[in-house]
Structure formats: C-alpha cells, structure tokens
Protein backbone atom coordinates (compact mmCIF):
# COMPACT_ATOMS: atom_id res chain seq x y z
CA MET A 1 -7.42 -19.75 -18.23
CA ILE A 2 -4.17 -19.22 -16.42
CA GLU A 3 -5.62 -20.99 -13.29
CA HIS A 4 -5.50 -24.28 -15.19
CA ILE A 5 -1.78 -24.28 -15.22
CA GLN A 6 -1.51 -23.88 -11.46
CA GLN A 7 -0.74 -20.17 -11.38
CA PRO A 8 2.76 -19.77 -12.86
CA LYS A 9 5.30 -18.22 -10.51
CA ALA A 10 8.01 -15.65 -11.11
CA GLN A 11 10.60 -18.42 -11.33
CA ASP A 12 8.70 -20.11 -14.15
CA ILE A 13 9.18 -17.22 -16.62
CA LYS A 14 12.07 -15.20 -15.29
CA ARG A 15 15.00 -14.55 -17.59
CA GLU A 16 18.66 -13.81 -17.02
CA ALA A 17 19.21 -10.22 -15.86
CA ILE A 18 21.96 -8.15 -17.55
CA THR A 19 23.78 -6.10 -14.89
CA LEU A 20 26.25 -3.27 -14.55
CA GLU A 21 28.25 -2.10 -11.54
CA PRO A 22 27.13 1.27 -10.11
CA ASP A 23 30.41 2.98 -10.98
CA LYS A 24 30.01 2.19 -14.71
CA THR A 25 29.11 5.10 -16.97
CA LEU A 26 26.25 6.25 -19.10
CA ASP A 27 28.33 5.34 -22.13
CA ASP A 28 28.70 1.74 -20.73
CA ALA A 29 24.89 1.47 -20.18
CA HIS A 30 24.18 2.80 -23.66
CA ASN A 31 26.48 0.17 -25.12
CA VAL A 32 24.96 -2.64 -23.10
CA LEU A 33 21.38 -1.72 -24.09
CA SER A 34 22.44 -1.50 -27.80
CA THR A 35 24.53 -4.70 -27.73
CA TYR A 36 22.01 -6.96 -26.10
CA ASN A 37 19.04 -5.20 -27.72
CA ILE A 38 17.29 -4.79 -24.31
CA SER A 39 15.24 -1.97 -22.71
CA ARG A 40 16.81 -1.95 -19.26
CA VAL A 41 19.89 -3.00 -17.30
CA ILE A 42 20.00 -3.75 -13.55
CA ILE A 43 22.66 -1.91 -11.53
CA ALA A 44 24.07 -4.38 -9.02
CA LYS A 45 26.92 -4.62 -6.54
CA GLY A 46 28.06 -8.22 -6.50
CA ASN A 47 24.79 -10.14 -6.59
CA LYS A 48 22.68 -7.47 -4.84
CA PRO A 49 20.41 -5.35 -7.12
CA LEU A 50 20.61 -1.58 -6.30
CA GLY A 51 18.70 0.07 -9.06
CA ILE A 52 17.75 -0.03 -12.74
CA VAL A 53 18.49 2.13 -15.80
CA THR A 54 15.97 2.05 -18.69
CA GLU A 55 15.61 3.64 -22.12
CA LYS A 56 13.16 6.05 -20.55
CA ASP A 57 15.86 7.20 -18.11
CA PHE A 58 18.07 8.08 -21.10
CA ALA A 59 15.28 10.15 -22.67
CA TRP A 60 14.68 11.86 -19.29
CA TYR A 61 18.38 12.61 -18.88
CA LEU A 62 18.71 14.02 -22.41
CA TYR A 63 15.75 16.26 -21.99
CA THR A 64 16.15 17.53 -18.44
CA GLU A 65 19.97 17.82 -18.11
CA ILE A 66 22.00 20.59 -19.67
CA PRO A 67 24.95 18.83 -21.33
CA ASN A 68 28.08 19.65 -19.32
CA ARG A 69 29.79 16.26 -19.06
CA HIS A 70 30.73 13.63 -21.53
CA PRO A 71 28.61 10.43 -21.18
CA ASP A 72 31.70 8.50 -20.05
CA GLU A 73 31.88 10.88 -17.06
CA VAL A 74 28.33 10.28 -15.82
CA LYS A 75 27.98 7.32 -13.48
CA VAL A 76 24.93 5.07 -13.92
CA GLU A 77 24.18 5.36 -10.23
CA GLU A 78 23.44 9.07 -10.85
CA ILE A 79 20.48 8.37 -13.16
CA MET A 80 19.29 4.97 -12.09
CA SER A 81 15.91 4.41 -10.44
CA LYS A 82 16.85 3.57 -6.84
CA ASN A 83 13.56 2.54 -5.24
CA LEU A 84 13.75 -0.94 -6.65
CA ILE A 85 10.73 -3.11 -6.47
CA THR A 86 11.59 -6.83 -6.29
CA VAL A 87 9.66 -10.10 -6.04
CA ALA A 88 10.46 -13.52 -4.60
CA GLU A 89 10.76 -16.54 -6.92
CA TYR A 90 7.53 -18.03 -5.76
CA THR A 91 5.43 -14.80 -6.44
CA ASN A 92 2.48 -15.52 -8.83
CA LEU A 93 2.33 -13.63 -12.09
CA GLN A 94 -0.84 -11.69 -11.43
CA LEU A 95 0.79 -10.12 -8.34
CA CYS A 96 3.88 -9.35 -10.46
CA ALA A 97 1.57 -7.63 -13.04
CA LYS A 98 -0.24 -5.70 -10.31
CA LEU A 99 3.06 -4.43 -8.85
CA MET A 100 4.19 -3.26 -12.32
CA LEU A 101 0.94 -1.31 -12.84
CA GLU A 102 0.80 0.14 -9.30
CA ASN A 103 4.41 1.35 -9.49
CA LYS A 104 4.38 2.37 -13.14
CA ILE A 105 7.34 0.12 -14.01
CA SER A 106 7.97 -2.33 -16.86
CA SER A 107 10.12 -4.89 -15.11
CA ILE A 108 10.76 -6.46 -11.69
CA PRO A 109 13.97 -8.18 -10.51
CA VAL A 110 13.47 -11.59 -9.01
CA VAL A 111 15.38 -12.35 -5.82
CA ASP A 112 15.86 -15.29 -3.49
CA ASN A 113 15.51 -15.33 0.27
CA ASN A 114 18.96 -13.70 0.66
CA LYS A 115 17.94 -10.88 -1.68
CA ASP A 116 20.44 -12.09 -4.29
CA LEU A 117 19.52 -11.48 -7.91
CA LYS A 118 18.03 -14.54 -9.67
CA GLY A 119 16.60 -12.97 -12.80
CA ILE A 120 14.13 -10.46 -14.13
CA ILE A 121 10.49 -10.44 -15.26
CA THR A 122 9.31 -7.86 -17.85
CA LYS A 123 6.05 -6.86 -19.33
CA SER A 124 7.19 -8.78 -22.41
CA ASP A 125 7.11 -11.94 -20.37
CA LEU A 126 3.60 -11.21 -19.09
CA VAL A 127 2.43 -10.41 -22.61
CA ASN A 128 3.77 -13.77 -23.80
CA THR A 129 1.94 -15.55 -20.98
CA TYR A 130 -1.32 -13.73 -21.85
CA ALA A 131 -0.89 -14.68 -25.54
CA THR A 132 -0.51 -18.36 -24.60
CA TYR A 133 -3.31 -18.79 -22.02
CA TYR A 134 -5.99 -16.12 -22.68
CA LYS A 135 -7.00 -16.71 -26.26
CA GLY A 136 -10.57 -15.51 -26.93
CA LYS A 137 -11.04 -13.89 -23.60
CA ASN A 138 -10.86 -10.18 -24.47
CA SER A 139 -10.92 -7.93 -27.51
CA VAL A 140 -8.50 -5.07 -28.28
CA ALA A 141 -11.37 -2.56 -27.89
CA GLU A 142 -11.73 -3.48 -24.23
CA TYR A 143 -8.23 -2.49 -23.20
CA MET A 144 -6.78 -0.16 -25.96
CA SER A 145 -5.95 3.46 -25.14
CA GLU A 146 -7.44 6.40 -26.86
CA PRO A 147 -6.88 9.10 -28.06
CA VAL A 148 -3.34 8.48 -29.13
CA LEU A 149 -0.39 10.85 -28.83
CA THR A 150 0.79 11.56 -32.45
CA ILE A 151 3.31 13.62 -34.33
CA SER A 152 3.98 14.43 -37.95
CA PRO A 153 7.10 12.94 -39.68
CA ASP A 154 8.70 16.40 -39.98
CA GLU A 155 8.49 17.24 -36.27
CA SER A 156 11.77 17.48 -34.33
CA ILE A 157 13.03 14.76 -31.98
CA HIS A 158 12.81 17.49 -29.29
CA MET A 159 9.03 17.40 -29.72
CA VAL A 160 9.06 13.60 -29.47
CA LEU A 161 11.01 13.79 -26.19
CA LEU A 162 8.69 16.57 -24.97
CA LEU A 163 5.56 14.49 -25.55
CA MET A 164 7.07 11.37 -24.02
CA ILE A 165 8.30 13.07 -20.86
CA ASN A 166 5.33 15.34 -20.20
CA ASN A 167 2.80 12.60 -20.85
CA LYS A 168 4.86 9.75 -19.29
CA VAL A 169 4.56 7.42 -22.35
CA SER A 170 7.11 5.25 -24.04
CA ARG A 171 6.01 5.62 -27.69
CA ILE A 172 4.62 8.13 -30.14
CA VAL A 173 2.77 7.29 -33.37
CA VAL A 174 3.80 9.17 -36.46
CA VAL A 175 0.78 9.91 -38.68
CA GLY A 176 0.20 11.09 -42.26
CA GLU A 177 -3.29 11.88 -43.43
CA GLU A 178 -4.70 10.36 -40.19
CA LYS A 179 -2.99 7.04 -40.90
CA PRO A 180 -0.15 5.55 -38.86
CA ILE A 181 2.97 5.62 -40.99
CA GLY A 182 5.53 5.11 -38.22
CA ILE A 183 6.22 4.70 -34.53
CA ILE A 184 8.94 5.98 -32.23
CA THR A 185 9.84 4.32 -28.97
CA GLY A 186 12.47 5.00 -26.27
CA ARG A 187 14.67 2.41 -27.98
CA ASP A 188 14.63 4.38 -31.24
CA LEU A 189 16.05 7.34 -29.34
CA LEU A 190 19.10 5.51 -28.23
CA PRO A 191 21.10 5.93 -31.55
CA ALA A 192 19.95 9.54 -31.57
CA SER A 193 21.18 10.13 -28.07
CA GLY A 194 24.75 9.68 -29.37
CA LEU A 195 24.14 12.46 -31.90
CA PHE A 196 22.74 14.66 -29.11
CA MET A 197 25.93 14.06 -27.10
CA ILE A 198 28.23 14.72 -30.12
CA ALA A 199 26.36 17.90 -30.91
CA ALA A 200 26.64 19.03 -27.24
CA TYR A 201 30.43 18.61 -27.13
CA ALA A 202 31.15 19.77 -30.66
CA GLY A 203 29.96 23.23 -29.82
CA TYR A 204 26.56 23.26 -31.55
CA TRP A 205 24.57 24.07 -28.39
CA ARG A 206 23.95 27.62 -27.12
CA THR A 207 25.56 28.94 -23.98
CA ARG A 208 24.59 27.30 -20.69
CA GLU A 209 22.69 30.36 -19.54
CA ASP A 210 20.62 30.39 -22.81
CA LEU A 211 19.91 26.66 -22.45
CA ILE A 212 18.63 27.15 -18.96
CA ALA A 213 16.31 29.91 -20.01
CA LEU A 214 15.07 27.94 -23.09
CA ARG A 215 14.56 24.82 -21.00
CA LYS A 216 12.24 26.79 -18.65
CA GLU A 217 10.25 27.88 -21.72
CA GLN A 218 10.15 24.29 -23.08
CA LYS A 219 12.36 25.33 -26.00
CA PHE A 220 15.50 23.27 -25.45
CA LEU A 221 16.61 22.99 -29.06
CA PRO A 222 19.95 22.85 -30.93
CA THR A 223 20.94 25.78 -33.08
CA SER A 224 20.81 25.63 -36.84
CA GLY A 225 23.36 23.29 -38.39
CA ILE A 226 22.35 20.26 -36.28
CA LYS A 227 18.58 20.50 -35.67
CA ASP A 228 17.69 19.42 -39.16
CA ILE A 229 19.19 15.99 -38.47
CA PHE A 230 16.78 15.39 -35.60
CA LEU A 231 13.45 14.75 -37.32
CA ALA A 232 10.86 12.13 -36.42
CA ARG A 233 11.00 10.55 -39.92
CA GLU A 234 14.82 9.94 -39.49
CA ILE A 235 14.41 7.58 -36.55
CA MET A 236 10.80 6.20 -36.72
CA LYS A 237 10.03 2.58 -37.53
CA HIS A 238 8.14 2.76 -40.85
CA ASP A 239 4.90 1.02 -41.63
CA PRO A 240 4.03 -0.19 -38.12
CA ILE A 241 2.00 -3.42 -37.64
CA THR A 242 -1.54 -2.54 -36.84
CA VAL A 243 -4.68 -4.33 -35.42
CA THR A 244 -8.35 -3.55 -35.42
CA ARG A 245 -10.62 -2.89 -32.49
CA GLU A 246 -12.35 -6.22 -32.96
CA ALA A 247 -9.12 -8.28 -32.87
CA ASP A 248 -8.46 -10.82 -30.07
CA LEU A 249 -6.27 -9.16 -27.38
CA ALA A 250 -4.35 -12.43 -27.14
CA LYS A 251 -3.58 -12.21 -30.90
CA ALA A 252 -2.35 -8.61 -30.43
CA ALA A 253 -0.22 -9.87 -27.56
CA GLN A 254 1.25 -12.58 -29.75
CA ILE A 255 2.06 -10.07 -32.49
CA MET A 256 3.87 -7.94 -29.90
CA SER A 257 5.76 -11.01 -28.62
CA ASN A 258 6.70 -12.38 -32.00
CA ASN A 259 7.89 -9.03 -33.28
CA ARG A 260 9.45 -7.78 -30.01
CA ILE A 261 7.49 -4.58 -30.10
CA SER A 262 5.75 -2.79 -27.23
CA GLY A 263 2.64 -1.40 -28.85
CA LEU A 264 0.35 -1.67 -31.87
CA PRO A 265 -1.69 1.22 -33.44
CA VAL A 266 -5.35 0.34 -33.74
CA VAL A 267 -7.04 1.28 -36.99
CA ASN A 268 -10.58 1.32 -38.36
CA SER A 269 -11.91 -0.09 -41.66
CA VAL A 270 -10.15 2.63 -43.70
CA ASP A 271 -6.85 2.32 -41.81
CA SER A 272 -7.28 5.59 -39.92
CA LEU A 273 -5.78 5.66 -36.42
CA VAL A 274 -8.30 5.19 -33.65
CA GLY A 275 -6.23 4.00 -30.68
CA ILE A 276 -3.19 2.06 -29.49
CA VAL A 277 -2.80 -1.20 -27.55
CA THR A 278 0.40 -1.69 -25.56
CA ARG A 279 2.09 -4.16 -23.29
CA THR A 280 0.70 -2.12 -20.37
CA ASP A 281 -2.82 -2.66 -21.62
CA VAL A 282 -2.25 -6.43 -21.89
CA THR A 283 -0.83 -6.32 -18.34
CA LYS A 284 -4.00 -4.69 -17.14
CA ALA A 285 -6.00 -7.51 -18.74
CA LEU A 286 -3.91 -10.09 -17.01
CA VAL A 287 -4.50 -8.48 -13.63
CA SER A 288 -8.28 -8.25 -14.14
C-alpha cells in the first residue's frame, strides 16, 4: 500500500518541465513536442507558469479553426489553457490525482511558495507509482472503460478528430473484424497536423465561406487530391499491446509505463475488443 511509504509528495516524483515563452508560435510548440517526445509544454514568463499547450489543444485547433494563418503566425498564448491548476511541492499524490480527475487534466505544474515553477507531475508519473505500490489490489475489469470508441482503418483522420473532440477522449481504437489492429492518440496526429497545414496553404481547401458552412454541418473535409492521404491506417500504431479483463491493474499500469503509452485495449479469450484501460482509469484507482 502507498501509505507504507509515508505518502509520497509531489516533490518526490516531479520531473523537469519543458517551457516556452507566451510569444512563441504554434510551430515552435509543435517542434518542442516532437523533439522531446512529450505530450505537453508549459507556457511560462520567466519562472512563472501562465498556461499549458497539449496535443489535445492541437487537435482542437485543427478541427475548430478555419486555416487562415500559417502556424508560425499563431502565438501559443492564443491556444493555451489559461486556467492553470498548480500544486505545492509538499502536496500528496492522491490529492494530485484527485485534482487531475476533477479538472479533467493530465498534468499539474509543481510550484514553490513564491509560485515559481519547480517541475511537473503527469498521469504517467501516477501510473508508475500505482504500478510500483499497488500490485494485486485491483483487476483491469474494475476500472476499464466500455464500450470503446472505434474506427475502421479506412476512415479519414477527420473522423478521428471528430470522435476525439466530440467525445473528449485522447485515443481511438482501430478495429478489423472486432479485433483491435491499431490505436490512434493525439500524439499520432502531430505529424499529420503538418500535412493539414501544408494542405491549407497550398490551396487544397475550399473557400472560407464553404468551410464555415461545412464546419457547421460537421463536414470539414479537404477536397479530392489531399483527403486520400488522411486515413486512419496511415497514422495508427499497428498491433497495439492488449490486456485481459482478469489482468492485475498494476500490471497494466506497468505495461503503460514501460512502453510509454496511454491506454491498452482490453480483449476477451478470442481477442475481440471488450474495453479499454487508460492512465485516467489507473488514476481513478489511485484516488479510491
């Protein structure tokens, strides 16, 4: 039990936070996320955290905004989440987990008494803690989510974005004959976002008036000549690691931690998809 190690504090598991100045651009943020292989970057002025930009913010921007500026013209302060939740260095991990769940966020900056940035805690850190100290406590079945949002490999990335945004999820499972054959996360959309931007400024999009009308009808799609590039099978991670309902949740957490992934499809005895277990589910277990 985690109580046996004197309730770890935020300072015990925090990691270095990667930051950007608020006047940096969407292009800069894209490069930082890709270069450091991270899911979020804190926007800070000096040592004071002001906001955060995540992979999900990129997906939201791509889907909701009609392209009219190059990404090196859009400041990160325009799309960052500004109502930043922070914790002190001495905050215990269960409270950190509770704050993430209540505010529907995946990370919390850690600050000192002067509100200076000292690091960041993510759900990945909480998952690693659960994997270490909660072996044998819960099964995957107790916390997995079902049913699962799925898509076929030949669906467009537009549909992936639509499902993610409308259902407020960070991953979609790609299925073939009811079996999970791939998975797409916000991170997988980052390389594709560059293609979206190129398409927008190369003249492949419809007129702005048409785009506005199509967006209202949930039909914001490129014209022929570019849309065939954007298919789920082109960007999905193939052959995702799976677990069964009966598996130890701590084992699932360890798999996520070891492979740096955010969710595992749950399958039955014939490998058909029956659910999904994510970092958020493990975080819920840590709180309870």
